């Protein structure tokens, strides 16, 4: 992954329901709590599982990349931009998602928490 100083960002409040969300947190973080409709590909597996994203992502849409606080997702968003994909980092990550009252579910679909 490449660190970039100019990663485009989006704030949680600007995300609409139905916007494509890619969660790059690790499995235990995902299982504790995630956005219900997000695609989960951990950053540690990302390059190997890149095809899952290209199959699931909207062809002309934006990939909104999220992690716990915004660090890992910024790295993945920069990588995607380098691959020619329209990607943005979700500012503040799942911590802000949860704090702003957005729903968080666990792996069973029950109310979850961000760890």
N, C-alpha and C. Protein backbone atom coordinates (compact mmCIF):
# COMPACT_ATOMS: atom_id res chain seq x y z
N UNK A 1 0.84 -1.18 0.00
CA UNK A 1 0.00 0.00 0.00
C UNK A 1 0.89 1.24 0.00
N UNK A 2 0.38 2.28 -0.60
CA UNK A 2 1.15 3.50 -0.75
C UNK A 2 0.49 4.61 0.07
N UNK A 3 1.29 5.34 0.80
CA UNK A 3 0.77 6.47 1.55
C UNK A 3 0.70 7.67 0.61
N UNK A 4 -0.44 8.35 0.63
CA UNK A 4 -0.58 9.54 -0.19
C UNK A 4 -1.07 10.69 0.67
N UNK A 5 -0.60 11.87 0.37
CA UNK A 5 -0.99 13.01 1.19
C UNK A 5 -2.33 13.58 0.76
N UNK A 6 -2.73 13.34 -0.47
CA UNK A 6 -3.96 13.94 -0.98
C UNK A 6 -5.00 12.87 -1.32
N UNK A 7 -5.49 12.19 -0.31
CA UNK A 7 -6.53 11.20 -0.54
C UNK A 7 -7.88 11.91 -0.44
N UNK A 8 -8.72 11.80 -1.47
CA UNK A 8 -10.04 12.44 -1.37
C UNK A 8 -10.84 11.80 -0.23
N UNK A 9 -11.57 12.63 0.49
CA UNK A 9 -12.36 12.13 1.61
C UNK A 9 -13.82 12.53 1.46
N UNK A 10 -14.66 11.79 2.17
CA UNK A 10 -16.08 12.10 2.27
C UNK A 10 -16.45 12.00 3.75
N UNK A 11 -17.33 12.87 4.21
CA UNK A 11 -17.78 12.78 5.59
C UNK A 11 -19.00 11.87 5.65
N UNK A 12 -19.15 11.19 6.78
CA UNK A 12 -20.23 10.22 6.94
C UNK A 12 -21.59 10.84 6.61
N UNK A 13 -21.81 12.07 7.05
CA UNK A 13 -23.12 12.71 6.82
C UNK A 13 -23.44 12.91 5.34
N UNK A 14 -22.41 12.90 4.48
CA UNK A 14 -22.64 13.07 3.04
C UNK A 14 -22.93 11.75 2.32
N UNK A 15 -22.82 10.62 3.03
CA UNK A 15 -23.11 9.33 2.41
C UNK A 15 -24.60 9.08 2.42
N UNK A 16 -25.13 8.67 1.27
CA UNK A 16 -26.55 8.33 1.17
C UNK A 16 -26.71 6.82 1.32
N UNK A 17 -27.90 6.40 1.73
CA UNK A 17 -28.12 4.96 1.79
C UNK A 17 -28.05 4.44 0.36
N UNK A 18 -27.41 3.32 0.19
CA UNK A 18 -27.21 2.78 -1.16
C UNK A 18 -25.86 3.13 -1.75
N UNK A 19 -25.12 4.08 -1.14
CA UNK A 19 -23.76 4.34 -1.61
C UNK A 19 -22.89 3.12 -1.32
N UNK A 20 -22.00 2.79 -2.23
CA UNK A 20 -21.16 1.60 -2.08
C UNK A 20 -20.11 1.83 -1.00
N UNK A 21 -20.04 0.90 -0.03
CA UNK A 21 -19.13 1.04 1.10
C UNK A 21 -18.23 -0.20 1.18
N UNK A 22 -16.93 0.03 1.21
CA UNK A 22 -15.94 -1.04 1.34
C UNK A 22 -15.28 -0.92 2.71
N UNK A 23 -15.46 -1.95 3.55
CA UNK A 23 -14.88 -1.99 4.90
C UNK A 23 -13.60 -2.81 4.84
N UNK A 24 -12.46 -2.17 5.21
CA UNK A 24 -11.16 -2.84 5.11
C UNK A 24 -10.61 -3.24 6.48
N UNK A 25 -11.46 -3.23 7.52
CA UNK A 25 -11.00 -3.64 8.84
C UNK A 25 -10.82 -5.16 8.89
N UNK A 26 -10.14 -5.63 9.92
CA UNK A 26 -9.87 -7.06 10.05
C UNK A 26 -11.13 -7.80 10.51
N UNK A 27 -11.10 -9.14 10.40
CA UNK A 27 -12.28 -9.96 10.65
C UNK A 27 -12.92 -9.72 12.02
N UNK A 28 -12.09 -9.64 13.07
CA UNK A 28 -12.67 -9.49 14.41
C UNK A 28 -13.37 -8.13 14.56
N UNK A 29 -12.86 -7.11 13.90
CA UNK A 29 -13.51 -5.80 13.93
C UNK A 29 -14.85 -5.85 13.20
N UNK A 30 -14.84 -6.48 12.03
CA UNK A 30 -16.05 -6.63 11.21
C UNK A 30 -17.12 -7.40 11.98
N UNK A 31 -16.72 -8.50 12.61
CA UNK A 31 -17.69 -9.34 13.33
C UNK A 31 -18.34 -8.60 14.48
N UNK A 32 -17.61 -7.71 15.15
CA UNK A 32 -18.17 -6.97 16.29
C UNK A 32 -19.20 -5.94 15.83
N UNK A 33 -18.96 -5.31 14.68
CA UNK A 33 -19.92 -4.33 14.20
C UNK A 33 -19.49 -3.67 12.90
N UNK A 34 -20.45 -3.61 11.96
CA UNK A 34 -20.18 -3.02 10.64
C UNK A 34 -21.46 -2.43 10.06
N UNK A 35 -21.31 -1.65 9.01
CA UNK A 35 -22.46 -1.15 8.27
C UNK A 35 -23.10 -2.33 7.54
N UNK A 36 -24.41 -2.44 7.60
CA UNK A 36 -25.11 -3.63 7.11
C UNK A 36 -24.81 -3.96 5.65
N UNK A 37 -24.73 -2.98 4.78
CA UNK A 37 -24.59 -3.25 3.35
C UNK A 37 -23.16 -3.17 2.84
N UNK A 38 -22.19 -3.05 3.73
CA UNK A 38 -20.80 -2.90 3.30
C UNK A 38 -20.24 -4.20 2.75
N UNK A 39 -19.29 -4.08 1.83
CA UNK A 39 -18.49 -5.21 1.37
C UNK A 39 -17.26 -5.26 2.27
N UNK A 40 -16.94 -6.47 2.77
CA UNK A 40 -15.80 -6.60 3.68
C UNK A 40 -14.64 -7.30 3.00
N UNK A 41 -13.54 -6.59 2.83
CA UNK A 41 -12.28 -7.18 2.39
C UNK A 41 -11.20 -6.59 3.29
N UNK A 42 -10.66 -7.39 4.24
CA UNK A 42 -9.64 -6.84 5.14
C UNK A 42 -8.43 -6.31 4.38
N UNK A 43 -7.86 -5.24 4.89
CA UNK A 43 -6.68 -4.65 4.25
C UNK A 43 -5.57 -5.69 4.09
N UNK A 44 -5.42 -6.59 5.06
CA UNK A 44 -4.35 -7.59 5.01
C UNK A 44 -4.54 -8.58 3.86
N UNK A 45 -5.78 -8.73 3.36
CA UNK A 45 -6.07 -9.64 2.25
C UNK A 45 -6.39 -8.89 0.97
N UNK A 46 -6.27 -7.57 0.98
CA UNK A 46 -6.87 -6.77 -0.07
C UNK A 46 -6.33 -7.06 -1.47
N UNK A 47 -5.03 -7.10 -1.62
CA UNK A 47 -4.47 -7.31 -2.97
C UNK A 47 -4.89 -8.67 -3.50
N UNK A 48 -4.85 -9.71 -2.65
CA UNK A 48 -5.23 -11.05 -3.07
C UNK A 48 -6.72 -11.15 -3.42
N UNK A 49 -7.55 -10.34 -2.78
CA UNK A 49 -9.00 -10.42 -2.99
C UNK A 49 -9.55 -9.25 -3.80
N UNK A 50 -8.67 -8.55 -4.49
CA UNK A 50 -9.05 -7.36 -5.26
C UNK A 50 -10.18 -7.65 -6.25
N UNK A 51 -10.19 -8.84 -6.84
CA UNK A 51 -11.24 -9.20 -7.81
C UNK A 51 -12.63 -9.15 -7.22
N UNK A 52 -12.77 -9.43 -5.92
CA UNK A 52 -14.09 -9.36 -5.27
C UNK A 52 -14.63 -7.94 -5.33
N UNK A 53 -13.74 -6.97 -5.18
CA UNK A 53 -14.17 -5.57 -5.24
C UNK A 53 -14.59 -5.21 -6.65
N UNK A 54 -13.78 -5.59 -7.64
CA UNK A 54 -14.11 -5.19 -9.01
C UNK A 54 -15.40 -5.84 -9.48
N UNK A 55 -15.75 -7.01 -8.93
CA UNK A 55 -17.03 -7.64 -9.28
C UNK A 55 -18.20 -6.95 -8.60
N UNK A 56 -18.01 -6.49 -7.37
CA UNK A 56 -19.12 -5.96 -6.57
C UNK A 56 -19.32 -4.45 -6.74
N UNK A 57 -18.26 -3.72 -7.03
CA UNK A 57 -18.35 -2.25 -7.06
C UNK A 57 -19.15 -1.79 -8.28
N UNK A 58 -19.88 -0.68 -8.11
CA UNK A 58 -20.61 -0.12 -9.26
C UNK A 58 -19.63 0.37 -10.32
N UNK A 59 -19.96 0.13 -11.58
CA UNK A 59 -19.05 0.48 -12.67
C UNK A 59 -18.77 1.98 -12.75
N UNK A 60 -19.80 2.82 -12.58
CA UNK A 60 -19.57 4.27 -12.70
C UNK A 60 -19.70 4.97 -11.36
N UNK A 61 -19.70 4.21 -10.28
CA UNK A 61 -19.90 4.84 -8.97
C UNK A 61 -18.60 4.98 -8.20
N UNK A 62 -18.74 5.55 -7.03
CA UNK A 62 -17.60 5.78 -6.15
C UNK A 62 -17.52 4.66 -5.12
N UNK A 63 -16.30 4.22 -4.83
CA UNK A 63 -16.05 3.27 -3.75
C UNK A 63 -15.69 4.09 -2.52
N UNK A 64 -16.56 4.03 -1.50
CA UNK A 64 -16.33 4.72 -0.23
C UNK A 64 -15.64 3.73 0.69
N UNK A 65 -14.37 4.00 1.03
CA UNK A 65 -13.55 3.06 1.80
C UNK A 65 -13.57 3.47 3.26
N UNK A 66 -13.84 2.49 4.14
CA UNK A 66 -13.96 2.79 5.57
C UNK A 66 -13.17 1.78 6.39
N UNK A 67 -12.60 2.26 7.51
CA UNK A 67 -11.96 1.39 8.50
C UNK A 67 -12.41 1.88 9.87
N UNK A 68 -11.61 1.70 10.90
CA UNK A 68 -12.03 2.13 12.23
C UNK A 68 -12.00 3.65 12.37
N UNK A 69 -10.86 4.26 11.94
CA UNK A 69 -10.73 5.70 12.14
C UNK A 69 -10.30 6.47 10.90
N UNK A 70 -9.91 5.80 9.85
CA UNK A 70 -9.56 6.47 8.60
C UNK A 70 -8.16 6.25 8.09
N UNK A 71 -7.28 5.62 8.86
CA UNK A 71 -5.90 5.42 8.43
C UNK A 71 -5.73 4.34 7.38
N UNK A 72 -6.23 3.14 7.68
CA UNK A 72 -6.11 2.04 6.72
C UNK A 72 -6.93 2.31 5.47
N UNK A 73 -8.12 2.87 5.66
CA UNK A 73 -8.97 3.14 4.50
C UNK A 73 -8.34 4.18 3.58
N UNK A 74 -7.60 5.14 4.14
CA UNK A 74 -6.91 6.13 3.29
C UNK A 74 -5.89 5.43 2.40
N UNK A 75 -5.17 4.46 2.96
CA UNK A 75 -4.17 3.73 2.17
C UNK A 75 -4.83 2.93 1.06
N UNK A 76 -5.95 2.26 1.37
CA UNK A 76 -6.64 1.46 0.35
C UNK A 76 -7.26 2.38 -0.70
N UNK A 77 -7.83 3.50 -0.28
CA UNK A 77 -8.41 4.44 -1.25
C UNK A 77 -7.33 4.94 -2.22
N UNK A 78 -6.16 5.25 -1.71
CA UNK A 78 -5.07 5.71 -2.58
C UNK A 78 -4.66 4.61 -3.56
N UNK A 79 -4.59 3.37 -3.08
CA UNK A 79 -4.27 2.24 -3.95
C UNK A 79 -5.32 2.13 -5.07
N UNK A 80 -6.59 2.23 -4.71
CA UNK A 80 -7.66 2.11 -5.71
C UNK A 80 -7.58 3.23 -6.74
N UNK A 81 -7.29 4.44 -6.27
CA UNK A 81 -7.15 5.57 -7.20
C UNK A 81 -6.02 5.29 -8.18
N UNK A 82 -4.93 4.71 -7.69
CA UNK A 82 -3.81 4.37 -8.57
C UNK A 82 -4.19 3.30 -9.59
N UNK A 83 -5.23 2.50 -9.27
CA UNK A 83 -5.71 1.49 -10.21
C UNK A 83 -6.77 2.05 -11.15
N UNK A 84 -7.06 3.34 -11.02
CA UNK A 84 -8.04 3.98 -11.90
C UNK A 84 -9.47 3.90 -11.40
N UNK A 85 -9.66 3.55 -10.14
CA UNK A 85 -11.00 3.45 -9.55
C UNK A 85 -11.33 4.73 -8.80
N UNK A 86 -12.56 5.19 -8.96
CA UNK A 86 -13.02 6.38 -8.24
C UNK A 86 -13.27 5.98 -6.79
N UNK A 87 -12.35 6.35 -5.90
CA UNK A 87 -12.44 5.94 -4.49
C UNK A 87 -12.22 7.14 -3.59
N UNK A 88 -12.89 7.12 -2.43
CA UNK A 88 -12.71 8.16 -1.41
C UNK A 88 -12.59 7.49 -0.05
N UNK A 89 -11.91 8.16 0.85
CA UNK A 89 -11.77 7.70 2.23
C UNK A 89 -12.89 8.29 3.06
N UNK A 90 -13.56 7.45 3.86
CA UNK A 90 -14.61 7.94 4.76
C UNK A 90 -13.93 8.53 5.99
N UNK A 91 -14.02 9.84 6.14
CA UNK A 91 -13.33 10.58 7.19
C UNK A 91 -13.83 10.14 8.57
N UNK A 92 -12.89 9.71 9.42
CA UNK A 92 -13.24 9.31 10.78
C UNK A 92 -13.69 7.87 10.91
N UNK A 93 -13.94 7.20 9.79
CA UNK A 93 -14.24 5.78 9.79
C UNK A 93 -15.48 5.37 10.55
N UNK A 94 -15.46 4.10 10.98
CA UNK A 94 -16.60 3.52 11.67
C UNK A 94 -16.86 4.19 13.02
N UNK A 95 -15.84 4.80 13.62
CA UNK A 95 -16.06 5.52 14.88
C UNK A 95 -17.04 6.68 14.66
N UNK A 96 -16.86 7.42 13.58
CA UNK A 96 -17.76 8.53 13.28
C UNK A 96 -19.09 7.98 12.78
N UNK A 97 -19.07 6.91 11.99
CA UNK A 97 -20.30 6.27 11.52
C UNK A 97 -21.21 5.95 12.70
N UNK A 98 -20.64 5.27 13.70
CA UNK A 98 -21.42 4.87 14.88
C UNK A 98 -21.85 6.10 15.68
N UNK A 99 -20.94 7.06 15.89
CA UNK A 99 -21.24 8.25 16.68
C UNK A 99 -22.33 9.11 16.05
N UNK A 100 -22.45 9.05 14.72
CA UNK A 100 -23.46 9.86 14.05
C UNK A 100 -24.82 9.16 13.99
N UNK A 101 -24.90 7.99 14.63
CA UNK A 101 -26.19 7.31 14.72
C UNK A 101 -26.50 6.37 13.58
N UNK A 102 -25.52 6.13 12.71
CA UNK A 102 -25.74 5.18 11.62
C UNK A 102 -25.79 3.77 12.20
N UNK A 103 -26.59 2.88 11.60
CA UNK A 103 -26.71 1.53 12.16
C UNK A 103 -25.43 0.71 12.03
N UNK A 104 -25.15 -0.05 13.09
CA UNK A 104 -24.00 -0.95 13.15
C UNK A 104 -24.55 -2.32 13.55
N UNK A 105 -24.21 -3.35 12.77
CA UNK A 105 -24.69 -4.71 13.05
C UNK A 105 -23.52 -5.65 13.22
N UNK A 106 -23.74 -6.74 13.96
CA UNK A 106 -22.70 -7.76 14.09
C UNK A 106 -22.88 -8.80 12.99
N UNK A 107 -22.07 -9.88 13.05
CA UNK A 107 -22.12 -10.86 11.96
C UNK A 107 -23.44 -11.61 11.90
N UNK A 108 -24.27 -11.54 12.96
CA UNK A 108 -25.58 -12.20 12.96
C UNK A 108 -26.70 -11.22 12.58
N UNK A 109 -26.33 -9.98 12.28
CA UNK A 109 -27.34 -8.99 11.92
C UNK A 109 -27.96 -8.30 13.13
N UNK A 110 -27.44 -8.58 14.30
CA UNK A 110 -27.93 -7.94 15.53
C UNK A 110 -27.17 -6.62 15.74
N UNK A 111 -27.67 -5.76 16.63
CA UNK A 111 -26.94 -4.51 16.90
C UNK A 111 -25.50 -4.83 17.31
N UNK A 112 -24.57 -4.12 16.69
CA UNK A 112 -23.15 -4.36 16.95
C UNK A 112 -22.48 -3.14 17.54
N UNK A 113 -21.18 -3.24 17.69
CA UNK A 113 -20.40 -2.13 18.23
C UNK A 113 -19.08 -2.04 17.47
N UNK A 114 -18.52 -0.86 17.41
CA UNK A 114 -17.24 -0.64 16.74
C UNK A 114 -16.12 -0.84 17.75
N UNK A 115 -15.19 -1.75 17.42
CA UNK A 115 -14.04 -1.99 18.31
C UNK A 115 -12.77 -1.51 17.64
